[in-house]
Amino acid sequence: MTPTAKKPFRWGKFFSTVLLWVLLLIFVLPFVVVIIDAFKTNAEIMDNPLALTSQPTFQNFVDAFNQMNYMSALFNTVVLTIVSVALIAIASAMTAYYVVRSKSKAGKILFYALIASMMVPFQAIMIPLVTIYGHMGVLNSRPMLVYLYIGFGCGMGTFIFHGFIKTGVPISLEEAARIDGANLRQTFFLIVLPLLKPVFATLVVLDVLWVWNDYLLPSLVLTQPNQLTLPLSTYSFSGQMSVNFGPLIASLIMTILPVLIIYIFLQKYIVEGIVAGAVKT
């Protein structure tokens, strides 16, 4: 019986593995530090933020829950996220369907305009946006914030849906539906929309992470205490002269925990939907 040949050592694979572990530690370390500091007093955090505490306390979470009015902020964030993401997904799917099936110049112009809008950073139009809508007196309202989220989110949504509809939705199904007497609305909602579930899941996960964690846009639109979202409420622990680090760190954990749970359960759909939609247009 001939002995099996020993596989040569692959230095490239070794260094790649080491690099991946180093990157993993770099990305995970800030989260570990945040979790550790959430159970420490301000004095312990200031003394050594990386050290473990011998007397963990939950008082930071209690103070954060009360001071940031957590339940009200959670309700505002949940409602805002659900409404915004649902409207973005529906509007993006309908727009992409029109662009793919219409074959008109107007559809192409609309599609390329939406793609171009993705290249414009929000900071570049932030001041003009607040100035114009502020003079119109329509700021400081949740519907206005939802309207802005739809405008800023439909570009990417349309792009993702466009590729999937173009290659993954057979037009023969729509033709058969029309022969059976279905109109355009029935064809879209009963035939096309159910086929878009993987892309819907991807877009929902991405937009939930965006809307839920967004601080800048709500800070420009919402000013009333009863309208604040979770990211805005975390600012209540920062004063002019000092920062209450313990409750602040605890509030950050309480803010990201719900959406983190959603992401863990739906993360597999992100790659599937993006791969399905990322085709040449």
C-alpha atoms as a PDB file:
ATOM      1  CA  MET A   1       0.000   0.000   0.000  1.00  0.00           C
ATOM      2  CA  THR A   2       1.549   3.256  -1.119  1.00  0.00           C
ATOM      3  CA  PRO A   3       1.632   6.032   1.477  1.00  0.00           C
ATOM      4  CA  THR A   4      -0.453   9.072   0.693  1.00  0.00           C
ATOM      5  CA  ALA A   5       1.509  12.046  -0.513  1.00  0.00           C
ATOM      6  CA  LYS A   6       1.756  14.897   1.974  1.00  0.00           C
ATOM      7  CA  LYS A   7       0.047  18.012   0.751  1.00  0.00           C
ATOM      8  CA  PRO A   8       2.372  20.987   0.320  1.00  0.00           C
ATOM      9  CA  PHE A   9       1.972  23.825   2.776  1.00  0.00           C
ATOM     10  CA  ARG A  10       0.159  26.742   1.178  1.00  0.00           C
ATOM     11  CA  TRP A  11       1.535  30.018   2.442  1.00  0.00           C
ATOM     12  CA  GLY A  12      -1.054  31.996   0.517  1.00  0.00           C
ATOM     13  CA  LYS A  13      -3.936  30.230   2.225  1.00  0.00           C
ATOM     14  CA  PHE A  14      -2.198  30.569   5.609  1.00  0.00           C
ATOM     15  CA  PHE A  15      -1.742  34.331   5.303  1.00  0.00           C
ATOM     16  CA  SER A  16      -5.284  34.736   3.993  1.00  0.00           C
ATOM     17  CA  THR A  17      -6.648  32.903   7.031  1.00  0.00           C
ATOM     18  CA  VAL A  18      -4.543  34.970   9.417  1.00  0.00           C
ATOM     19  CA  LEU A  19      -5.662  38.171   7.696  1.00  0.00           C
ATOM     20  CA  LEU A  20      -9.315  37.175   7.981  1.00  0.00           C
ATOM     21  CA  TRP A  21      -8.933  36.459  11.695  1.00  0.00           C
ATOM     22  CA  VAL A  22      -7.221  39.809  12.244  1.00  0.00           C
ATOM     23  CA  LEU A  23      -9.995  41.632  10.386  1.00  0.00           C
ATOM     24  CA  LEU A  24     -12.592  39.706  12.397  1.00  0.00           C
ATOM     25  CA  LEU A  25     -10.990  40.828  15.658  1.00  0.00           C
ATOM     26  CA  ILE A  26     -10.815  44.431  14.432  1.00  0.00           C
ATOM     27  CA  PHE A  27     -14.518  44.471  13.580  1.00  0.00           C
ATOM     28  CA  VAL A  28     -15.693  42.547  16.662  1.00  0.00           C
ATOM     29  CA  LEU A  29     -13.569  44.374  19.258  1.00  0.00           C
ATOM     30  CA  PRO A  30     -15.664  47.605  19.325  1.00  0.00           C
ATOM     31  CA  PHE A  31     -18.851  45.591  19.928  1.00  0.00           C
ATOM     32  CA  VAL A  32     -17.189  43.632  22.733  1.00  0.00           C
ATOM     33  CA  VAL A  33     -15.996  46.867  24.360  1.00  0.00           C
ATOM     34  CA  VAL A  34     -19.501  48.364  24.132  1.00  0.00           C
ATOM     35  CA  ILE A  35     -21.054  45.303  25.776  1.00  0.00           C
ATOM     36  CA  ILE A  36     -18.435  45.337  28.540  1.00  0.00           C
ATOM     37  CA  ASP A  37     -18.803  49.065  29.243  1.00  0.00           C
ATOM     38  CA  ALA A  38     -22.606  48.877  29.326  1.00  0.00           C
ATOM     39  CA  PHE A  39     -22.365  47.112  32.710  1.00  0.00           C
ATOM     40  CA  LYS A  40     -19.805  49.509  34.228  1.00  0.00           C
ATOM     41  CA  THR A  41     -20.104  52.813  36.036  1.00  0.00           C
ATOM     42  CA  ASN A  42     -18.891  56.072  34.505  1.00  0.00           C
ATOM     43  CA  ALA A  43     -15.853  56.061  36.767  1.00  0.00           C
ATOM     44  CA  GLU A  44     -14.849  52.575  35.650  1.00  0.00           C
ATOM     45  CA  ILE A  45     -15.356  53.470  31.995  1.00  0.00           C
ATOM     46  CA  MET A  46     -13.205  56.573  32.302  1.00  0.00           C
ATOM     47  CA  ASP A  47     -10.539  54.690  34.241  1.00  0.00           C
ATOM     48  CA  ASN A  48     -10.135  51.827  31.744  1.00  0.00           C
ATOM     49  CA  PRO A  49     -12.785  51.195  29.071  1.00  0.00           C
ATOM     50  CA  LEU A  50     -11.194  47.865  28.073  1.00  0.00           C
ATOM     51  CA  ALA A  51     -11.102  46.321  31.553  1.00  0.00           C
ATOM     52  CA  LEU A  52     -13.724  43.948  32.911  1.00  0.00           C
ATOM     53  CA  THR A  53     -15.726  45.014  35.946  1.00  0.00           C
ATOM     54  CA  SER A  54     -15.919  43.026  39.152  1.00  0.00           C
ATOM     55  CA  GLN A  55     -19.362  44.431  39.973  1.00  0.00           C
ATOM     56  CA  PRO A  56     -21.548  44.538  36.834  1.00  0.00           C
ATOM     57  CA  THR A  57     -24.609  46.763  37.124  1.00  0.00           C
ATOM     58  CA  PHE A  58     -27.857  46.998  35.188  1.00  0.00           C
ATOM     59  CA  GLN A  59     -28.514  50.532  36.391  1.00  0.00           C
ATOM     60  CA  ASN A  60     -27.259  51.939  33.087  1.00  0.00           C
ATOM     61  CA  PHE A  61     -30.065  50.162  31.235  1.00  0.00           C
ATOM     62  CA  VAL A  62     -32.649  51.376  33.742  1.00  0.00           C
ATOM     63  CA  ASP A  63     -31.435  54.964  33.447  1.00  0.00           C
ATOM     64  CA  ALA A  64     -31.308  54.723  29.650  1.00  0.00           C
ATOM     65  CA  PHE A  65     -34.825  53.261  29.476  1.00  0.00           C
ATOM     66  CA  ASN A  66     -36.263  56.102  31.537  1.00  0.00           C
ATOM     67  CA  GLN A  67     -34.225  59.049  30.290  1.00  0.00           C
ATOM     68  CA  MET A  68     -34.581  58.347  26.575  1.00  0.00           C
ATOM     69  CA  ASN A  69     -38.297  57.524  26.934  1.00  0.00           C
ATOM     70  CA  TYR A  70     -37.544  54.202  25.325  1.00  0.00           C
ATOM     71  CA  MET A  71     -41.056  52.919  24.667  1.00  0.00           C
ATOM     72  CA  SER A  72     -42.154  56.124  22.918  1.00  0.00           C
ATOM     73  CA  ALA A  73     -38.956  56.248  20.854  1.00  0.00           C
ATOM     74  CA  LEU A  74     -39.277  52.547  20.017  1.00  0.00           C
ATOM     75  CA  PHE A  75     -42.871  53.031  18.871  1.00  0.00           C
ATOM     76  CA  ASN A  76     -41.900  55.999  16.682  1.00  0.00           C
ATOM     77  CA  THR A  77     -39.005  54.077  15.155  1.00  0.00           C
ATOM     78  CA  VAL A  78     -41.048  50.938  14.475  1.00  0.00           C
ATOM     79  CA  VAL A  79     -43.912  52.845  12.834  1.00  0.00           C
ATOM     80  CA  LEU A  80     -41.569  55.015  10.793  1.00  0.00           C
ATOM     81  CA  THR A  81     -39.528  52.013   9.646  1.00  0.00           C
ATOM     82  CA  ILE A  82     -42.506  49.828   8.719  1.00  0.00           C
ATOM     83  CA  VAL A  83     -44.331  52.546   6.779  1.00  0.00           C
ATOM     84  CA  SER A  84     -41.224  53.871   5.009  1.00  0.00           C
ATOM     85  CA  VAL A  85     -39.811  50.475   4.037  1.00  0.00           C
ATOM     86  CA  ALA A  86     -43.191  49.161   2.845  1.00  0.00           C
ATOM     87  CA  LEU A  87     -43.800  52.193   0.623  1.00  0.00           C
ATOM     88  CA  ILE A  88     -40.223  52.142  -0.700  1.00  0.00           C
ATOM     89  CA  ALA A  89     -40.512  48.452  -1.625  1.00  0.00           C
ATOM     90  CA  ILE A  90     -43.895  48.802  -3.343  1.00  0.00           C
ATOM     91  CA  ALA A  91     -42.965  52.006  -5.187  1.00  0.00           C
ATOM     92  CA  SER A  92     -39.611  50.565  -6.297  1.00  0.00           C
ATOM     93  CA  ALA A  93     -41.185  47.331  -7.564  1.00  0.00           C
ATOM     94  CA  MET A  94     -43.861  49.196  -9.528  1.00  0.00           C
ATOM     95  CA  THR A  95     -41.322  51.608 -11.005  1.00  0.00           C
ATOM     96  CA  ALA A  96     -38.963  48.807 -12.027  1.00  0.00           C
ATOM     97  CA  TYR A  97     -41.823  46.868 -13.594  1.00  0.00           C
ATOM     98  CA  TYR A  98     -42.840  49.899 -15.642  1.00  0.00           C
ATOM     99  CA  VAL A  99     -39.263  50.555 -16.768  1.00  0.00           C
ATOM    100  CA  VAL A 100     -38.659  46.942 -17.826  1.00  0.00           C
ATOM    101  CA  ARG A 101     -41.937  46.318 -19.601  1.00  0.00           C
ATOM    102  CA  SER A 102     -42.671  49.716 -21.150  1.00  0.00           C
ATOM    103  CA  LYS A 103     -39.563  49.805 -23.416  1.00  0.00           C
ATOM    104  CA  SER A 104     -40.136  53.560 -23.814  1.00  0.00           C
ATOM    105  CA  LYS A 105     -37.652  56.436 -23.716  1.00  0.00           C
ATOM    106  CA  ALA A 106     -39.459  57.892 -20.731  1.00  0.00           C
ATOM    107  CA  GLY A 107     -38.884  54.665 -18.826  1.00  0.00           C
ATOM    108  CA  LYS A 108     -35.184  54.628 -19.671  1.00  0.00           C
ATOM    109  CA  ILE A 109     -34.796  58.281 -18.693  1.00  0.00           C
ATOM    110  CA  LEU A 110     -36.587  57.610 -15.413  1.00  0.00           C
ATOM    111  CA  PHE A 111     -34.395  54.593 -14.682  1.00  0.00           C
ATOM    112  CA  TYR A 112     -31.113  56.381 -15.377  1.00  0.00           C
ATOM    113  CA  ALA A 113     -32.277  59.397 -13.367  1.00  0.00           C
ATOM    114  CA  LEU A 114     -32.930  57.139 -10.383  1.00  0.00           C
ATOM    115  CA  ILE A 115     -29.519  55.503 -10.794  1.00  0.00           C
ATOM    116  CA  ALA A 116     -27.871  58.924 -11.010  1.00  0.00           C
ATOM    117  CA  SER A 117     -29.631  60.005  -7.811  1.00  0.00           C
ATOM    118  CA  MET A 118     -27.799  57.245  -5.946  1.00  0.00           C
ATOM    119  CA  MET A 119     -24.501  58.995  -6.717  1.00  0.00           C
ATOM    120  CA  VAL A 120     -25.522  62.283  -5.068  1.00  0.00           C
ATOM    121  CA  PRO A 121     -24.537  62.320  -1.370  1.00  0.00           C
ATOM    122  CA  PHE A 122     -27.267  63.449   0.987  1.00  0.00           C
ATOM    123  CA  GLN A 123     -24.930  65.972   2.607  1.00  0.00           C
ATOM    124  CA  ALA A 124     -24.740  67.836  -0.709  1.00  0.00           C
ATOM    125  CA  ILE A 125     -28.472  68.572  -0.758  1.00  0.00           C
ATOM    126  CA  MET A 126     -29.108  68.627   2.983  1.00  0.00           C
ATOM    127  CA  ILE A 127     -29.062  72.411   3.489  1.00  0.00           C
ATOM    128  CA  PRO A 128     -31.122  73.276   0.369  1.00  0.00           C
ATOM    129  CA  LEU A 129     -33.639  70.578   1.285  1.00  0.00           C
ATOM    130  CA  VAL A 130     -34.143  71.880   4.824  1.00  0.00           C
ATOM    131  CA  THR A 131     -34.259  75.488   3.621  1.00  0.00           C
ATOM    132  CA  ILE A 132     -36.876  74.870   0.907  1.00  0.00           C
ATOM    133  CA  TYR A 133     -39.149  72.608   2.944  1.00  0.00           C
ATOM    134  CA  GLY A 134     -38.648  74.738   6.047  1.00  0.00           C
ATOM    135  CA  HIS A 135     -39.976  77.829   4.235  1.00  0.00           C
ATOM    136  CA  MET A 136     -42.917  75.749   3.037  1.00  0.00           C
ATOM    137  CA  GLY A 137     -43.688  74.830   6.648  1.00  0.00           C
ATOM    138  CA  VAL A 138     -43.885  71.099   6.046  1.00  0.00           C
ATOM    139  CA  LEU A 139     -41.023  69.993   8.280  1.00  0.00           C
ATOM    140  CA  ASN A 140     -41.444  68.625  11.810  1.00  0.00           C
ATOM    141  CA  SER A 141     -43.879  65.909  10.724  1.00  0.00           C
ATOM    142  CA  ARG A 142     -43.614  62.147  10.377  1.00  0.00           C
ATOM    143  CA  PRO A 143     -45.365  62.013   6.960  1.00  0.00           C
ATOM    144  CA  MET A 144     -42.773  64.422   5.575  1.00  0.00           C
ATOM    145  CA  LEU A 145     -39.969  62.197   6.858  1.00  0.00           C
ATOM    146  CA  VAL A 146     -41.604  59.155   5.244  1.00  0.00           C
ATOM    147  CA  TYR A 147     -41.907  61.102   1.986  1.00  0.00           C
ATOM    148  CA  LEU A 148     -38.183  61.931   2.075  1.00  0.00           C
ATOM    149  CA  TYR A 149     -37.252  58.323   2.789  1.00  0.00           C
ATOM    150  CA  ILE A 150     -39.266  57.209  -0.238  1.00  0.00           C
ATOM    151  CA  GLY A 151     -37.461  59.734  -2.415  1.00  0.00           C
ATOM    152  CA  PHE A 152     -34.015  58.728  -1.212  1.00  0.00           C
ATOM    153  CA  GLY A 153     -34.707  54.977  -1.157  1.00  0.00           C
ATOM    154  CA  CYS A 154     -36.420  54.333  -4.487  1.00  0.00           C
ATOM    155  CA  GLY A 155     -33.229  54.667  -6.505  1.00  0.00           C
ATOM    156  CA  MET A 156     -31.518  51.612  -5.068  1.00  0.00           C
ATOM    157  CA  GLY A 157     -34.805  49.716  -4.807  1.00  0.00           C
ATOM    158  CA  THR A 158     -35.645  50.251  -8.457  1.00  0.00           C
ATOM    159  CA  PHE A 159     -32.145  49.192  -9.480  1.00  0.00           C
ATOM    160  CA  ILE A 160     -32.394  45.904  -7.555  1.00  0.00           C
ATOM    161  CA  PHE A 161     -35.907  45.084  -8.784  1.00  0.00           C
ATOM    162  CA  HIS A 162     -35.063  46.047 -12.369  1.00  0.00           C
ATOM    163  CA  GLY A 163     -32.442  43.347 -12.831  1.00  0.00           C
ATOM    164  CA  PHE A 164     -34.580  40.623 -11.269  1.00  0.00           C
ATOM    165  CA  ILE A 165     -37.720  41.451 -13.257  1.00  0.00           C
ATOM    166  CA  LYS A 166     -35.752  41.631 -16.487  1.00  0.00           C
ATOM    167  CA  THR A 167     -34.211  38.169 -16.118  1.00  0.00           C
ATOM    168  CA  GLY A 168     -36.241  36.317 -13.499  1.00  0.00           C
ATOM    169  CA  VAL A 169     -39.872  37.061 -14.377  1.00  0.00           C
ATOM    170  CA  PRO A 170     -40.978  35.338 -17.624  1.00  0.00           C
ATOM    171  CA  ILE A 171     -43.167  37.596 -19.719  1.00  0.00           C
ATOM    172  CA  SER A 172     -45.102  34.521 -20.827  1.00  0.00           C
ATOM    173  CA  LEU A 173     -46.756  34.412 -17.397  1.00  0.00           C
ATOM    174  CA  GLU A 174     -48.021  37.958 -17.863  1.00  0.00           C
ATOM    175  CA  GLU A 175     -49.258  37.205 -21.369  1.00  0.00           C
ATOM    176  CA  ALA A 176     -51.144  34.171 -20.074  1.00  0.00           C
ATOM    177  CA  ALA A 177     -52.708  36.301 -17.331  1.00  0.00           C
ATOM    178  CA  ARG A 178     -53.875  38.885 -19.876  1.00  0.00           C
ATOM    179  CA  ILE A 179     -55.399  36.136 -22.042  1.00  0.00           C
ATOM    180  CA  ASP A 180     -57.345  35.016 -18.955  1.00  0.00           C
ATOM    181  CA  GLY A 181     -58.721  38.541 -18.595  1.00  0.00           C
ATOM    182  CA  ALA A 182     -56.399  40.064 -15.996  1.00  0.00           C
ATOM    183  CA  ASN A 183     -55.703  43.787 -16.273  1.00  0.00           C
ATOM    184  CA  LEU A 184     -52.324  45.418 -15.671  1.00  0.00           C
ATOM    185  CA  ARG A 185     -52.912  45.953 -11.963  1.00  0.00           C
ATOM    186  CA  GLN A 186     -54.016  42.359 -11.415  1.00  0.00           C
ATOM    187  CA  THR A 187     -51.088  41.055 -13.455  1.00  0.00           C
ATOM    188  CA  PHE A 188     -48.583  42.964 -11.354  1.00  0.00           C
ATOM    189  CA  PHE A 189     -49.998  42.235  -7.913  1.00  0.00           C
ATOM    190  CA  LEU A 190     -51.123  38.637  -8.505  1.00  0.00           C
ATOM    191  CA  ILE A 191     -48.489  37.328 -10.929  1.00  0.00           C
ATOM    192  CA  VAL A 192     -45.331  39.450 -10.798  1.00  0.00           C
ATOM    193  CA  LEU A 193     -45.237  40.552  -7.164  1.00  0.00           C
ATOM    194  CA  PRO A 194     -45.212  37.028  -5.634  1.00  0.00           C
ATOM    195  CA  LEU A 195     -42.175  36.198  -7.784  1.00  0.00           C
ATOM    196  CA  LEU A 196     -40.247  39.112  -6.256  1.00  0.00           C
ATOM    197  CA  LYS A 197     -40.132  37.716  -2.712  1.00  0.00           C
ATOM    198  CA  PRO A 198     -36.317  37.165  -2.619  1.00  0.00           C
ATOM    199  CA  VAL A 199     -35.673  40.718  -3.788  1.00  0.00           C
ATOM    200  CA  PHE A 200     -38.312  42.069  -1.424  1.00  0.00           C
ATOM    201  CA  ALA A 201     -36.567  40.354   1.491  1.00  0.00           C
ATOM    202  CA  THR A 202     -33.223  41.828   0.462  1.00  0.00           C
ATOM    203  CA  LEU A 203     -34.561  45.344   0.065  1.00  0.00           C
ATOM    204  CA  VAL A 204     -36.515  45.154   3.311  1.00  0.00           C
ATOM    205  CA  VAL A 205     -33.427  44.104   5.287  1.00  0.00           C
ATOM    206  CA  LEU A 206     -31.226  46.800   3.752  1.00  0.00           C
ATOM    207  CA  ASP A 207     -33.803  49.566   4.150  1.00  0.00           C
ATOM    208  CA  VAL A 208     -34.750  48.532   7.682  1.00  0.00           C
ATOM    209  CA  LEU A 209     -31.092  48.817   8.684  1.00  0.00           C
ATOM    210  CA  TRP A 210     -30.915  52.219   6.992  1.00  0.00           C
ATOM    211  CA  VAL A 211     -34.132  53.773   8.326  1.00  0.00           C
ATOM    212  CA  TRP A 212     -33.837  52.282  11.805  1.00  0.00           C
ATOM    213  CA  ASN A 213     -30.272  53.520  12.367  1.00  0.00           C
ATOM    214  CA  ASP A 214     -30.588  56.833  10.534  1.00  0.00           C
ATOM    215  CA  TYR A 215     -29.771  59.875  12.640  1.00  0.00           C
ATOM    216  CA  LEU A 216     -29.095  62.732  10.247  1.00  0.00           C
ATOM    217  CA  LEU A 217     -32.360  62.964   8.306  1.00  0.00           C
ATOM    218  CA  PRO A 218     -34.693  62.602  11.340  1.00  0.00           C
ATOM    219  CA  SER A 219     -32.614  65.178  13.219  1.00  0.00           C
ATOM    220  CA  LEU A 220     -33.351  67.694  10.449  1.00  0.00           C
ATOM    221  CA  VAL A 221     -37.077  66.948  10.237  1.00  0.00           C
ATOM    222  CA  LEU A 222     -38.236  65.953  13.728  1.00  0.00           C
ATOM    223  CA  THR A 223     -37.844  68.348  16.659  1.00  0.00           C
ATOM    224  CA  GLN A 224     -40.696  67.574  19.060  1.00  0.00           C
ATOM    225  CA  PRO A 225     -39.776  65.264  21.999  1.00  0.00           C
ATOM    226  CA  ASN A 226     -42.751  62.985  21.332  1.00  0.00           C
ATOM    227  CA  GLN A 227     -41.565  62.414  17.737  1.00  0.00           C
ATOM    228  CA  LEU A 228     -37.974  61.367  18.439  1.00  0.00           C
ATOM    229  CA  THR A 229     -36.675  58.038  17.164  1.00  0.00           C
ATOM    230  CA  LEU A 230     -34.257  55.757  19.009  1.00  0.00           C
ATOM    231  CA  PRO A 231     -31.069  57.195  17.430  1.00  0.00           C
ATOM    232  CA  LEU A 232     -32.219  60.726  18.270  1.00  0.00           C
ATOM    233  CA  SER A 233     -33.058  59.748  21.839  1.00  0.00           C
ATOM    234  CA  THR A 234     -29.495  58.570  22.497  1.00  0.00           C
ATOM    235  CA  TYR A 235     -28.367  62.190  22.149  1.00  0.00           C
ATOM    236  CA  SER A 236     -30.099  63.014  25.458  1.00  0.00           C
ATOM    237  CA  PHE A 237     -27.087  61.633  27.362  1.00  0.00           C
ATOM    238  CA  SER A 238     -24.696  64.185  25.863  1.00  0.00           C
ATOM    239  CA  GLY A 239     -24.564  67.543  27.619  1.00  0.00           C
ATOM    240  CA  GLN A 240     -22.622  70.691  26.869  1.00  0.00           C
ATOM    241  CA  MET A 241     -19.931  69.950  29.446  1.00  0.00           C
ATOM    242  CA  SER A 242     -20.062  66.192  29.983  1.00  0.00           C
ATOM    243  CA  VAL A 243     -21.285  62.864  28.624  1.00  0.00           C
ATOM    244  CA  ASN A 244     -23.006  60.207  30.705  1.00  0.00           C
ATOM    245  CA  PHE A 245     -21.184  57.280  29.136  1.00  0.00           C
ATOM    246  CA  GLY A 246     -22.795  54.411  31.043  1.00  0.00           C
ATOM    247  CA  PRO A 247     -26.436  55.039  30.076  1.00  0.00           C
ATOM    248  CA  LEU A 248     -25.312  56.241  26.634  1.00  0.00           C
ATOM    249  CA  ILE A 249     -23.617  52.935  25.856  1.00  0.00           C
ATOM    250  CA  ALA A 250     -26.572  51.003  27.264  1.00  0.00           C
ATOM    251  CA  SER A 251     -28.940  53.025  25.062  1.00  0.00           C
ATOM    252  CA  LEU A 252     -26.876  52.136  22.003  1.00  0.00           C
ATOM    253  CA  ILE A 253     -27.275  48.436  22.759  1.00  0.00           C
ATOM    254  CA  MET A 254     -31.006  48.877  23.319  1.00  0.00           C
ATOM    255  CA  THR A 255     -31.221  50.726  19.995  1.00  0.00           C
ATOM    256  CA  ILE A 256     -29.418  48.212  17.798  1.00  0.00           C
ATOM    257  CA  LEU A 257     -30.703  45.032  19.481  1.00  0.00           C
ATOM    258  CA  PRO A 258     -34.128  44.792  17.756  1.00  0.00           C
ATOM    259  CA  VAL A 259     -32.798  45.394  14.258  1.00  0.00           C
ATOM    260  CA  LEU A 260     -29.816  43.122  14.932  1.00  0.00           C
ATOM    261  CA  ILE A 261     -32.182  40.260  15.686  1.00  0.00           C
ATOM    262  CA  ILE A 262     -34.051  40.924  12.438  1.00  0.00           C
ATOM    263  CA  TYR A 263     -30.791  40.996  10.498  1.00  0.00           C
ATOM    264  CA  ILE A 264     -29.579  37.693  11.969  1.00  0.00           C
ATOM    265  CA  PHE A 265     -32.734  35.893  10.841  1.00  0.00           C
ATOM    266  CA  LEU A 266     -32.899  37.479   7.370  1.00  0.00           C
ATOM    267  CA  GLN A 267     -29.242  37.934   6.426  1.00  0.00           C
ATOM    268  CA  LYS A 268     -29.213  35.019   3.960  1.00  0.00           C
ATOM    269  CA  TYR A 269     -31.725  36.848   1.762  1.00  0.00           C
ATOM    270  CA  ILE A 270     -29.388  39.824   1.303  1.00  0.00           C
ATOM    271  CA  VAL A 271     -26.850  37.979  -0.822  1.00  0.00           C
ATOM    272  CA  GLU A 272     -29.507  35.975  -2.674  1.00  0.00           C
ATOM    273  CA  GLY A 273     -31.498  39.034  -3.675  1.00  0.00           C
ATOM    274  CA  ILE A 274     -28.509  41.170  -4.610  1.00  0.00           C
ATOM    275  CA  VAL A 275     -27.035  38.401  -6.784  1.00  0.00           C
ATOM    276  CA  ALA A 276     -30.427  37.902  -8.418  1.00  0.00           C
ATOM    277  CA  GLY A 277     -30.819  41.605  -9.118  1.00  0.00           C
ATOM    278  CA  ALA A 278     -27.254  42.538  -9.989  1.00  0.00           C
ATOM    279  CA  VAL A 279     -27.326  41.787 -13.702  1.00  0.00           C
ATOM    280  CA  LYS A 280     -26.304  43.832 -16.665  1.00  0.00           C
ATOM    281  CA  THR A 281     -29.055  46.257 -17.643  1.00  0.00           C
END
